[in-house]
Amino acid sequence: MEKEFLISEINRLKKEKNAIIMAHYYQDGDIQDIADFVGDSLALAQWAAKTDADIIMLCGVHFMGETAKILSPNKKVLVPDMAAGCSLADSCPADEFEKFIKEHPGHKVISYVNTTAAVKALTDVVVTSTNAKQIVDSFPKDEKIIFGPDKNLGNYINSITGRNMVLWNGACHVHEKFSVRKVLDLKKEYPDAQVLVHPECKDVIVRLADKVGSTAGLLKYAIASDCKRFLVATESGILHEMQKSAPDKVFIPIPPEDSTCACNNCSYMRLNTLEKVYEVLKNESPEVEVSDELREKAVKPILKMLEISAKLGL
């Protein structure tokens, strides 16, 4: 189908059905451009909790749709492709994580938002990369904490808070692929550039950063910085918003180690297309479902995150 037709029809369906489209920064630029809200995981959760739309089209990966459904159980939540999963969420099966928790009694459980509803139901408080440090800091210094599933984010938070959280051994397949060699090669080619790194990257990459932050944090920094060129170590979808927000600056994606392509894309995120958005919105299917029993458990740590974030002004 023609792009112009799809955009026109999507906008028509939104009005007819009182639907909104929420898109993560890691989506293709075409999807970001038609979205009512574009943001990172924290922002998407905040918007899902307060929207008055009847239908939420969540353009991201499946756990994001689950989070929206948990926060808005009376709304219809759609995702463009149910196969859009998450390697990080998949690295933490709920049954294995529950066993891990039992092996560490007396620990509070902090889980990254990149998890299934079943894992969130085992959690005391959810975090995103935007608020992880502040939420960890809200616990007493001597609190025993389990952090899952991202070992790289957990290790980074340990390093900047002085904590010794017990880490689940999970990781994001996109952020694991960045290499020191690729970063150093680009730094040599562009000596005036600053390096922007997501904390899901390995420690050796984080150490090369001029700025470490969430997708929203890196975007905000790039807009405000006097620097005119940036090397970006996160999923390359964020470059679309960076370029729109700071058209006078240059953003260069750092490629993965095992590829000759110019960027590092999430294969799951890129399953979503304009055509799928149109078809799913038209048919109102597939719909994300979360059982009442699971939702009642999973919503508590998410609301705790939103409560702490609101108090901290995040």
C-alpha atoms as a PDB file:
ATOM      1  CA  MET A   1       0.000   0.000   0.000  1.00  0.00           C
ATOM      2  CA  GLU A   2       1.105   3.556  -0.627  1.00  0.00           C
ATOM      3  CA  LYS A   3       2.555   5.351   2.385  1.00  0.00           C
ATOM      4  CA  GLU A   4       0.258   8.376   1.941  1.00  0.00           C
ATOM      5  CA  PHE A   5      -2.820   6.134   1.875  1.00  0.00           C
ATOM      6  CA  LEU A   6      -1.752   4.287   5.014  1.00  0.00           C
ATOM      7  CA  ILE A   7      -1.128   7.510   6.918  1.00  0.00           C
ATOM      8  CA  SER A   8      -4.473   8.958   5.832  1.00  0.00           C
ATOM      9  CA  GLU A   9      -6.358   5.800   6.811  1.00  0.00           C
ATOM     10  CA  ILE A  10      -4.580   5.466  10.147  1.00  0.00           C
ATOM     11  CA  ASN A  11      -5.481   9.052  11.026  1.00  0.00           C
ATOM     12  CA  ARG A  12      -9.090   8.449   9.981  1.00  0.00           C
ATOM     13  CA  LEU A  13      -9.341   5.292  12.094  1.00  0.00           C
ATOM     14  CA  LYS A  14      -7.842   7.051  15.106  1.00  0.00           C
ATOM     15  CA  LYS A  15     -10.594   9.647  15.027  1.00  0.00           C
ATOM     16  CA  GLU A  16     -13.390   7.130  14.401  1.00  0.00           C
ATOM     17  CA  LYS A  17     -12.291   4.785  17.168  1.00  0.00           C
ATOM     18  CA  ASN A  18     -10.977   7.319  19.717  1.00  0.00           C
ATOM     19  CA  ALA A  19      -7.603   5.640  19.466  1.00  0.00           C
ATOM     20  CA  ILE A  20      -4.120   6.918  20.171  1.00  0.00           C
ATOM     21  CA  ILE A  21      -0.797   5.672  18.902  1.00  0.00           C
ATOM     22  CA  MET A  22       2.147   5.451  21.265  1.00  0.00           C
ATOM     23  CA  ALA A  23       5.553   4.677  19.797  1.00  0.00           C
ATOM     24  CA  HIS A  24       8.916   3.902  21.323  1.00  0.00           C
ATOM     25  CA  TYR A  25      11.996   5.783  20.138  1.00  0.00           C
ATOM     26  CA  TYR A  26      13.287   2.522  18.626  1.00  0.00           C
ATOM     27  CA  GLN A  27      10.515   2.340  16.026  1.00  0.00           C
ATOM     28  CA  ASP A  28      11.019   3.220  12.365  1.00  0.00           C
ATOM     29  CA  GLY A  29      10.789   6.937  11.673  1.00  0.00           C
ATOM     30  CA  ASP A  30       7.524   6.564   9.738  1.00  0.00           C
ATOM     31  CA  ILE A  31       5.817   5.101  12.798  1.00  0.00           C
ATOM     32  CA  GLN A  32       7.266   7.726  15.124  1.00  0.00           C
ATOM     33  CA  ASP A  33       5.950  10.438  12.812  1.00  0.00           C
ATOM     34  CA  ILE A  34       2.332   9.209  12.951  1.00  0.00           C
ATOM     35  CA  ALA A  35       2.345   8.618  16.712  1.00  0.00           C
ATOM     36  CA  ASP A  36       0.495  10.825  19.179  1.00  0.00           C
ATOM     37  CA  PHE A  37       3.173  10.143  21.779  1.00  0.00           C
ATOM     38  CA  VAL A  38       6.792   9.099  21.249  1.00  0.00           C
ATOM     39  CA  GLY A  39       8.941   8.250  24.225  1.00  0.00           C
ATOM     40  CA  ASP A  40      10.967   5.787  26.229  1.00  0.00           C
ATOM     41  CA  SER A  41       9.503   3.077  28.442  1.00  0.00           C
ATOM     42  CA  LEU A  42       8.847   5.402  31.388  1.00  0.00           C
ATOM     43  CA  ALA A  43       7.036   7.981  29.266  1.00  0.00           C
ATOM     44  CA  LEU A  44       4.938   5.320  27.525  1.00  0.00           C
ATOM     45  CA  ALA A  45       3.886   3.895  30.886  1.00  0.00           C
ATOM     46  CA  GLN A  46       3.006   7.356  32.195  1.00  0.00           C
ATOM     47  CA  TRP A  47       0.900   8.151  29.121  1.00  0.00           C
ATOM     48  CA  ALA A  48      -0.839   4.757  29.198  1.00  0.00           C
ATOM     49  CA  ALA A  49      -1.855   5.382  32.799  1.00  0.00           C
ATOM     50  CA  LYS A  50      -3.587   8.674  32.075  1.00  0.00           C
ATOM     51  CA  THR A  51      -4.983   8.532  28.532  1.00  0.00           C
ATOM     52  CA  ASP A  52      -8.739   8.840  27.989  1.00  0.00           C
ATOM     53  CA  ALA A  53      -8.603   7.041  24.630  1.00  0.00           C
ATOM     54  CA  ASP A  54     -10.657   3.897  24.129  1.00  0.00           C
ATOM     55  CA  ILE A  55      -7.910   2.146  22.168  1.00  0.00           C
ATOM     56  CA  ILE A  56      -4.145   2.239  22.682  1.00  0.00           C
ATOM     57  CA  MET A  57      -1.999   1.200  19.739  1.00  0.00           C
ATOM     58  CA  LEU A  58       1.377   0.485  21.337  1.00  0.00           C
ATOM     59  CA  CYS A  59       4.107   0.509  18.719  1.00  0.00           C
ATOM     60  CA  GLY A  60       7.001  -1.152  20.448  1.00  0.00           C
ATOM     61  CA  VAL A  61       7.478  -4.686  21.706  1.00  0.00           C
ATOM     62  CA  HIS A  62       5.076  -7.024  23.476  1.00  0.00           C
ATOM     63  CA  PHE A  63       6.017  -6.248  27.082  1.00  0.00           C
ATOM     64  CA  MET A  64       5.218  -2.578  26.431  1.00  0.00           C
ATOM     65  CA  GLY A  65       1.730  -3.571  25.311  1.00  0.00           C
ATOM     66  CA  GLU A  66       1.373  -5.658  28.470  1.00  0.00           C
ATOM     67  CA  THR A  67       2.426  -2.718  30.621  1.00  0.00           C
ATOM     68  CA  ALA A  68      -0.149  -0.487  28.939  1.00  0.00           C
ATOM     69  CA  LYS A  69      -2.862  -3.121  29.464  1.00  0.00           C
ATOM     70  CA  ILE A  70      -1.908  -3.557  33.119  1.00  0.00           C
ATOM     71  CA  LEU A  71      -2.222   0.196  33.659  1.00  0.00           C
ATOM     72  CA  SER A  72      -5.388   0.562  31.543  1.00  0.00           C
ATOM     73  CA  PRO A  73      -7.306  -2.711  31.935  1.00  0.00           C
ATOM     74  CA  ASN A  74     -10.573  -1.281  30.616  1.00  0.00           C
ATOM     75  CA  LYS A  75      -9.014  -0.080  27.386  1.00  0.00           C
ATOM     76  CA  LYS A  76      -8.295  -2.128  24.300  1.00  0.00           C
ATOM     77  CA  VAL A  77      -4.530  -2.387  23.814  1.00  0.00           C
ATOM     78  CA  LEU A  78      -3.220  -3.359  20.393  1.00  0.00           C
ATOM     79  CA  VAL A  79       0.269  -4.056  19.094  1.00  0.00           C
ATOM     80  CA  PRO A  80       1.145  -4.111  15.390  1.00  0.00           C
ATOM     81  CA  ASP A  81       2.871  -7.498  15.597  1.00  0.00           C
ATOM     82  CA  MET A  82       2.494  -9.952  18.480  1.00  0.00           C
ATOM     83  CA  ALA A  83       5.802 -11.533  17.460  1.00  0.00           C
ATOM     84  CA  ALA A  84       7.625  -8.340  18.442  1.00  0.00           C
ATOM     85  CA  GLY A  85       9.217  -9.730  21.570  1.00  0.00           C
ATOM     86  CA  CYS A  86      12.273  -8.694  23.549  1.00  0.00           C
ATOM     87  CA  SER A  87      15.532 -10.604  23.965  1.00  0.00           C
ATOM     88  CA  LEU A  88      16.001  -9.085  27.413  1.00  0.00           C
ATOM     89  CA  ALA A  89      12.548 -10.108  28.604  1.00  0.00           C
ATOM     90  CA  ASP A  90      13.087 -13.561  27.089  1.00  0.00           C
ATOM     91  CA  SER A  91      16.332 -13.919  29.053  1.00  0.00           C
ATOM     92  CA  CYS A  92      14.340 -13.923  32.295  1.00  0.00           C
ATOM     93  CA  PRO A  93      11.657 -16.666  32.410  1.00  0.00           C
ATOM     94  CA  ALA A  94       9.319 -16.106  35.360  1.00  0.00           C
ATOM     95  CA  ASP A  95       9.728 -19.603  36.809  1.00  0.00           C
ATOM     96  CA  GLU A  96      13.511 -19.357  36.809  1.00  0.00           C
ATOM     97  CA  PHE A  97      13.444 -15.840  38.222  1.00  0.00           C
ATOM     98  CA  GLU A  98      11.135 -16.985  41.031  1.00  0.00           C
ATOM     99  CA  LYS A  99      13.601 -19.745  41.897  1.00  0.00           C
ATOM    100  CA  PHE A 100      16.429 -17.177  41.855  1.00  0.00           C
ATOM    101  CA  ILE A 101      14.495 -14.979  44.291  1.00  0.00           C
ATOM    102  CA  LYS A 102      13.945 -17.921  46.645  1.00  0.00           C
ATOM    103  CA  GLU A 103      17.676 -18.609  46.568  1.00  0.00           C
ATOM    104  CA  HIS A 104      18.261 -15.086  47.913  1.00  0.00           C
ATOM    105  CA  PRO A 105      15.827 -14.679  50.824  1.00  0.00           C
ATOM    106  CA  GLY A 106      15.437 -11.301  52.470  1.00  0.00           C
ATOM    107  CA  HIS A 107      16.081  -9.335  49.267  1.00  0.00           C
ATOM    108  CA  LYS A 108      13.874  -6.673  47.737  1.00  0.00           C
ATOM    109  CA  VAL A 109      13.274  -7.298  44.061  1.00  0.00           C
ATOM    110  CA  ILE A 110      13.787  -4.533  41.502  1.00  0.00           C
ATOM    111  CA  SER A 111      12.954  -5.431  37.909  1.00  0.00           C
ATOM    112  CA  TYR A 112      13.644  -3.516  34.744  1.00  0.00           C
ATOM    113  CA  VAL A 113      10.489  -2.676  32.813  1.00  0.00           C
ATOM    114  CA  ASN A 114      11.803  -4.878  29.974  1.00  0.00           C
ATOM    115  CA  THR A 115      10.160  -7.941  31.501  1.00  0.00           C
ATOM    116  CA  THR A 116       6.983  -9.955  31.136  1.00  0.00           C
ATOM    117  CA  ALA A 117       3.941  -9.315  33.298  1.00  0.00           C
ATOM    118  CA  ALA A 118       4.698 -12.584  35.113  1.00  0.00           C
ATOM    119  CA  VAL A 119       8.132 -11.304  36.157  1.00  0.00           C
ATOM    120  CA  LYS A 120       6.694  -7.949  37.197  1.00  0.00           C
ATOM    121  CA  ALA A 121       4.276  -9.877  39.440  1.00  0.00           C
ATOM    122  CA  LEU A 122       7.316 -11.204  41.369  1.00  0.00           C
ATOM    123  CA  THR A 123       8.743  -7.713  41.797  1.00  0.00           C
ATOM    124  CA  ASP A 124       8.633  -5.064  44.535  1.00  0.00           C
ATOM    125  CA  VAL A 125       9.236  -2.121  42.207  1.00  0.00           C
ATOM    126  CA  VAL A 126       9.799  -1.728  38.465  1.00  0.00           C
ATOM    127  CA  VAL A 127      12.393   0.661  37.032  1.00  0.00           C
ATOM    128  CA  THR A 128      13.380   2.063  33.659  1.00  0.00           C
ATOM    129  CA  SER A 129      16.821   3.280  32.627  1.00  0.00           C
ATOM    130  CA  THR A 130      15.533   6.811  33.251  1.00  0.00           C
ATOM    131  CA  ASN A 131      14.701   6.291  36.922  1.00  0.00           C
ATOM    132  CA  ALA A 132      16.703   3.198  37.973  1.00  0.00           C
ATOM    133  CA  LYS A 133      19.365   5.091  39.945  1.00  0.00           C
ATOM    134  CA  GLN A 134      16.868   7.277  41.773  1.00  0.00           C
ATOM    135  CA  ILE A 135      14.625   4.351  42.687  1.00  0.00           C
ATOM    136  CA  VAL A 136      17.565   2.268  43.894  1.00  0.00           C
ATOM    137  CA  ASP A 137      18.705   5.279  45.945  1.00  0.00           C
ATOM    138  CA  SER A 138      15.243   5.421  47.548  1.00  0.00           C
ATOM    139  CA  PHE A 139      16.004   2.160  49.369  1.00  0.00           C
ATOM    140  CA  PRO A 140      18.113   2.166  52.572  1.00  0.00           C
ATOM    141  CA  LYS A 141      21.841   1.809  51.933  1.00  0.00           C
ATOM    142  CA  ASP A 142      21.934  -1.552  53.693  1.00  0.00           C
ATOM    143  CA  GLU A 143      18.908  -2.965  51.830  1.00  0.00           C
ATOM    144  CA  LYS A 144      19.584  -6.293  50.139  1.00  0.00           C
ATOM    145  CA  ILE A 145      18.428  -6.034  46.547  1.00  0.00           C
ATOM    146  CA  ILE A 146      17.990  -8.355  43.583  1.00  0.00           C
ATOM    147  CA  PHE A 147      18.136  -6.522  40.250  1.00  0.00           C
ATOM    148  CA  GLY A 148      16.955  -8.144  37.054  1.00  0.00           C
ATOM    149  CA  PRO A 149      17.092  -8.920  34.299  1.00  0.00           C
ATOM    150  CA  ASP A 150      19.713  -6.640  32.715  1.00  0.00           C
ATOM    151  CA  LYS A 151      23.142  -7.355  34.179  1.00  0.00           C
ATOM    152  CA  ASN A 152      24.718  -4.396  32.357  1.00  0.00           C
ATOM    153  CA  LEU A 153      22.237  -1.853  33.675  1.00  0.00           C
ATOM    154  CA  GLY A 154      22.472  -3.434  37.125  1.00  0.00           C
ATOM    155  CA  ASN A 155      26.252  -3.301  37.046  1.00  0.00           C
ATOM    156  CA  TYR A 156      26.140   0.347  35.992  1.00  0.00           C
ATOM    157  CA  ILE A 157      23.737   1.233  38.810  1.00  0.00           C
ATOM    158  CA  ASN A 158      25.960  -0.620  41.285  1.00  0.00           C
ATOM    159  CA  SER A 159      28.971   1.367  40.061  1.00  0.00           C
ATOM    160  CA  ILE A 160      27.353   4.788  40.498  1.00  0.00           C
ATOM    161  CA  THR A 161      25.509   4.082  43.756  1.00  0.00           C
ATOM    162  CA  GLY A 162      28.073   1.977  45.594  1.00  0.00           C
ATOM    163  CA  ARG A 163      25.513  -0.819  45.925  1.00  0.00           C
ATOM    164  CA  ASN A 164      26.171  -4.516  45.654  1.00  0.00           C
ATOM    165  CA  MET A 165      22.878  -5.671  44.200  1.00  0.00           C
ATOM    166  CA  VAL A 166      22.559  -9.314  43.202  1.00  0.00           C
ATOM    167  CA  LEU A 167      22.213  -9.319  39.411  1.00  0.00           C
ATOM    168  CA  TRP A 168      20.235 -11.632  37.179  1.00  0.00           C
ATOM    169  CA  ASN A 169      22.322 -12.692  34.170  1.00  0.00           C
ATOM    170  CA  GLY A 170      20.282 -11.180  31.343  1.00  0.00           C
ATOM    171  CA  ALA A 171      21.092  -8.779  28.524  1.00  0.00           C
ATOM    172  CA  CYS A 172      19.712  -7.018  25.442  1.00  0.00           C
ATOM    173  CA  HIS A 173      20.939  -8.497  22.174  1.00  0.00           C
ATOM    174  CA  VAL A 174      21.219  -5.038  20.596  1.00  0.00           C
ATOM    175  CA  HIS A 175      23.289  -3.389  23.315  1.00  0.00           C
ATOM    176  CA  GLU A 176      25.494  -6.458  23.776  1.00  0.00           C
ATOM    177  CA  LYS A 177      26.727  -6.144  20.181  1.00  0.00           C
ATOM    178  CA  PHE A 178      28.602  -2.872  20.559  1.00  0.00           C
ATOM    179  CA  SER A 179      32.372  -3.264  20.629  1.00  0.00           C
ATOM    180  CA  VAL A 180      35.274  -1.188  21.871  1.00  0.00           C
ATOM    181  CA  ARG A 181      36.958  -1.466  18.464  1.00  0.00           C
ATOM    182  CA  LYS A 182      34.030   0.077  16.596  1.00  0.00           C
ATOM    183  CA  VAL A 183      33.751   2.926  19.103  1.00  0.00           C
ATOM    184  CA  LEU A 184      37.482   3.683  19.002  1.00  0.00           C
ATOM    185  CA  ASP A 185      37.546   3.553  15.191  1.00  0.00           C
ATOM    186  CA  LEU A 186      34.744   6.127  15.004  1.00  0.00           C
ATOM    187  CA  LYS A 187      36.325   8.306  17.711  1.00  0.00           C
ATOM    188  CA  LYS A 188      39.495   8.355  15.632  1.00  0.00           C
ATOM    189  CA  GLU A 189      37.524   9.272  12.503  1.00  0.00           C
ATOM    190  CA  TYR A 190      35.478  11.934  14.325  1.00  0.00           C
ATOM    191  CA  PRO A 191      37.692  13.298  17.132  1.00  0.00           C
ATOM    192  CA  ASP A 192      35.283  16.179  17.780  1.00  0.00           C
ATOM    193  CA  ALA A 193      32.344  13.850  18.505  1.00  0.00           C
ATOM    194  CA  GLN A 194      30.948  12.966  21.896  1.00  0.00           C
ATOM    195  CA  VAL A 195      29.950   9.373  22.660  1.00  0.00           C
ATOM    196  CA  LEU A 196      26.405   8.758  23.907  1.00  0.00           C
ATOM    197  CA  VAL A 197      25.871   5.355  25.535  1.00  0.00           C
ATOM    198  CA  HIS A 198      22.820   3.549  26.901  1.00  0.00           C
ATOM    199  CA  PRO A 199      23.473   1.813  30.260  1.00  0.00           C
ATOM    200  CA  GLU A 200      22.330  -1.528  28.811  1.00  0.00           C
ATOM    201  CA  CYS A 201      25.706  -1.603  27.059  1.00  0.00           C
ATOM    202  CA  LYS A 202      28.632  -3.557  28.465  1.00  0.00           C
ATOM    203  CA  ASP A 203      30.877  -1.846  31.017  1.00  0.00           C
ATOM    204  CA  VAL A 204      33.762  -1.523  28.542  1.00  0.00           C
ATOM    205  CA  ILE A 205      31.506   0.562  26.276  1.00  0.00           C
ATOM    206  CA  VAL A 206      30.070   2.617  29.142  1.00  0.00           C
ATOM    207  CA  ARG A 207      33.595   3.627  30.126  1.00  0.00           C
ATOM    208  CA  LEU A 208      34.105   5.235  26.722  1.00  0.00           C
ATOM    209  CA  ALA A 209      31.021   7.440  27.064  1.00  0.00           C
ATOM    210  CA  ASP A 210      30.841  11.187  27.395  1.00  0.00           C
ATOM    211  CA  LYS A 211      27.221  10.707  28.464  1.00  0.00           C
ATOM    212  CA  VAL A 212      25.470   7.602  29.792  1.00  0.00           C
ATOM    213  CA  GLY A 213      21.681   7.732  29.851  1.00  0.00           C
ATOM    214  CA  SER A 214      18.317   6.369  28.839  1.00  0.00           C
ATOM    215  CA  THR A 215      17.049   7.032  25.333  1.00  0.00           C
ATOM    216  CA  ALA A 216      15.182  10.091  26.617  1.00  0.00           C
ATOM    217  CA  GLY A 217      18.217  11.157  28.640  1.00  0.00           C
ATOM    218  CA  LEU A 218      20.556  10.896  25.662  1.00  0.00           C
ATOM    219  CA  LEU A 219      18.108  12.842  23.509  1.00  0.00           C
ATOM    220  CA  LYS A 220      17.819  15.624  26.092  1.00  0.00           C
ATOM    221  CA  TYR A 221      21.586  15.809  26.487  1.00  0.00           C
ATOM    222  CA  ALA A 222      22.215  15.976  22.739  1.00  0.00           C
ATOM    223  CA  ILE A 223      19.719  18.814  22.299  1.00  0.00           C
ATOM    224  CA  ALA A 224      21.244  20.876  25.123  1.00  0.00           C
ATOM    225  CA  SER A 225      24.917  20.161  24.390  1.00  0.00           C
ATOM    226  CA  ASP A 226      27.202  22.620  22.591  1.00  0.00           C
ATOM    227  CA  CYS A 227      28.766  19.685  20.767  1.00  0.00           C
ATOM    228  CA  LYS A 228      27.789  19.363  17.112  1.00  0.00           C
ATOM    229  CA  ARG A 229      28.601  15.696  16.469  1.00  0.00           C
ATOM    230  CA  PHE A 230      27.679  12.556  18.402  1.00  0.00           C
ATOM    231  CA  LEU A 231      28.443   8.861  18.209  1.00  0.00           C
ATOM    232  CA  VAL A 232      25.389   6.975  19.477  1.00  0.00           C
ATOM    233  CA  ALA A 233      25.547   3.560  21.159  1.00  0.00           C
ATOM    234  CA  THR A 234      21.949   2.458  21.429  1.00  0.00           C
ATOM    235  CA  GLU A 235      19.247   1.232  19.058  1.00  0.00           C
ATOM    236  CA  SER A 236      19.455   3.457  16.011  1.00  0.00           C
ATOM    237  CA  GLY A 237      15.762   4.397  15.974  1.00  0.00           C
ATOM    238  CA  ILE A 238      16.518   7.182  18.461  1.00  0.00           C
ATOM    239  CA  LEU A 239      18.495   9.007  15.754  1.00  0.00           C
ATOM    240  CA  HIS A 240      15.229   9.909  14.026  1.00  0.00           C
ATOM    241  CA  GLU A 241      14.057  12.034  16.949  1.00  0.00           C
ATOM    242  CA  MET A 242      17.555  13.331  17.626  1.00  0.00           C
ATOM    243  CA  GLN A 243      17.846  14.618  14.080  1.00  0.00           C
ATOM    244  CA  LYS A 244      14.357  16.152  14.177  1.00  0.00           C
ATOM    245  CA  SER A 245      15.030  17.847  17.510  1.00  0.00           C
ATOM    246  CA  ALA A 246      18.547  19.051  16.639  1.00  0.00           C
ATOM    247  CA  PRO A 247      18.731  19.391  12.832  1.00  0.00           C
ATOM    248  CA  ASP A 248      21.951  21.372  13.013  1.00  0.00           C
ATOM    249  CA  LYS A 249      23.826  18.485  14.624  1.00  0.00           C
ATOM    250  CA  VAL A 250      25.243  15.229  13.262  1.00  0.00           C
ATOM    251  CA  PHE A 251      24.335  11.868  14.809  1.00  0.00           C
ATOM    252  CA  ILE A 252      26.332   8.810  13.827  1.00  0.00           C
ATOM    253  CA  PRO A 253      25.123   5.355  14.879  1.00  0.00           C
ATOM    254  CA  ILE A 254      27.788   3.031  16.205  1.00  0.00           C
ATOM    255  CA  PRO A 255      27.446  -0.253  14.295  1.00  0.00           C
ATOM    256  CA  PRO A 256      27.498  -3.692  15.924  1.00  0.00           C
ATOM    257  CA  GLU A 257      30.764  -5.613  15.988  1.00  0.00           C
ATOM    258  CA  ASP A 258      29.573  -8.455  13.781  1.00  0.00           C
ATOM    259  CA  SER A 259      28.131  -6.388  10.940  1.00  0.00           C
ATOM    260  CA  THR A 260      29.185  -4.071   8.148  1.00  0.00           C
ATOM    261  CA  CYS A 261      25.896  -2.131   8.295  1.00  0.00           C
ATOM    262  CA  ALA A 262      25.906   1.423   9.564  1.00  0.00           C
ATOM    263  CA  CYS A 263      23.562   0.954  12.497  1.00  0.00           C
ATOM    264  CA  ASN A 264      22.398  -1.397  15.236  1.00  0.00           C
ATOM    265  CA  ASN A 265      18.692  -2.205  14.912  1.00  0.00           C
ATOM    266  CA  CYS A 266      16.412  -4.290  17.126  1.00  0.00           C
ATOM    267  CA  SER A 267      14.945  -6.968  14.874  1.00  0.00           C
ATOM    268  CA  TYR A 268      11.877  -7.213  17.117  1.00  0.00           C
ATOM    269  CA  MET A 269      11.141  -3.485  17.093  1.00  0.00           C
ATOM    270  CA  ARG A 270      11.437  -3.423  13.311  1.00  0.00           C
ATOM    271  CA  LEU A 271       8.727  -6.063  12.866  1.00  0.00           C
ATOM    272  CA  ASN A 272       6.244  -3.207  13.226  1.00  0.00           C
ATOM    273  CA  THR A 273       5.311  -1.419   9.998  1.00  0.00           C
ATOM    274  CA  LEU A 274       2.822   1.235   8.895  1.00  0.00           C
ATOM    275  CA  GLU A 275       0.811  -1.429   7.083  1.00  0.00           C
ATOM    276  CA  LYS A 276       0.551  -3.542  10.233  1.00  0.00           C
ATOM    277  CA  VAL A 277      -0.500  -0.499  12.258  1.00  0.00           C
ATOM    278  CA  TYR A 278      -3.269   0.130   9.734  1.00  0.00           C
ATOM    279  CA  GLU A 279      -4.479  -3.482   9.562  1.00  0.00           C
ATOM    280  CA  VAL A 280      -4.463  -4.026  13.318  1.00  0.00           C
ATOM    281  CA  LEU A 281      -6.178  -0.725  14.038  1.00  0.00           C
ATOM    282  CA  LYS A 282      -8.806  -1.475  11.398  1.00  0.00           C
ATOM    283  CA  ASN A 283      -9.494  -4.989  12.735  1.00  0.00           C
ATOM    284  CA  GLU A 284      -8.803  -4.180  16.408  1.00  0.00           C
ATOM    285  CA  SER A 285      -6.779  -7.367  16.593  1.00  0.00           C
ATOM    286  CA  PRO A 286      -4.467  -8.800  17.856  1.00  0.00           C
ATOM    287  CA  GLU A 287      -5.332  -7.488  21.287  1.00  0.00           C
ATOM    288  CA  VAL A 288      -3.024  -7.716  24.290  1.00  0.00           C
ATOM    289  CA  GLU A 289      -4.623  -9.628  27.158  1.00  0.00           C
ATOM    290  CA  VAL A 290      -3.534  -9.895  30.788  1.00  0.00           C
ATOM    291  CA  SER A 291      -5.562 -11.947  33.268  1.00  0.00           C
ATOM    292  CA  ASP A 292      -7.115 -10.135  36.222  1.00  0.00           C
ATOM    293  CA  GLU A 293      -5.161 -12.286  38.668  1.00  0.00           C
ATOM    294  CA  LEU A 294      -1.831 -11.512  37.019  1.00  0.00           C
ATOM    295  CA  ARG A 295      -2.672  -7.860  36.560  1.00  0.00           C
ATOM    296  CA  GLU A 296      -3.477  -7.365  40.246  1.00  0.00           C
ATOM    297  CA  LYS A 297       0.036  -8.537  41.117  1.00  0.00           C
ATOM    298  CA  ALA A 298       1.906  -6.891  38.258  1.00  0.00           C
ATOM    299  CA  VAL A 299       0.304  -3.458  38.593  1.00  0.00           C
ATOM    300  CA  LYS A 300       1.640  -2.854  42.119  1.00  0.00           C
ATOM    301  CA  PRO A 301       5.351  -2.539  41.260  1.00  0.00           C
ATOM    302  CA  ILE A 302       4.530  -0.425  38.199  1.00  0.00           C
ATOM    303  CA  LEU A 303       2.405   1.981  40.229  1.00  0.00           C
ATOM    304  CA  LYS A 304       5.186   2.103  42.821  1.00  0.00           C
ATOM    305  CA  MET A 305       7.588   3.152  40.076  1.00  0.00           C
ATOM    306  CA  LEU A 306       5.216   5.833  38.807  1.00  0.00           C
ATOM    307  CA  GLU A 307       4.651   7.102  42.351  1.00  0.00           C
ATOM    308  CA  ILE A 308       8.370   7.416  43.088  1.00  0.00           C
ATOM    309  CA  SER A 309       9.033   8.968  39.669  1.00  0.00           C
ATOM    310  CA  ALA A 310       6.311  11.569  40.231  1.00  0.00           C
ATOM    311  CA  LYS A 311       7.753  12.492  43.629  1.00  0.00           C
ATOM    312  CA  LEU A 312      11.195  12.867  42.061  1.00  0.00           C
ATOM    313  CA  GLY A 313       9.843  14.907  39.142  1.00  0.00           C
ATOM    314  CA  LEU A 314      10.936  12.354  36.555  1.00  0.00           C
END
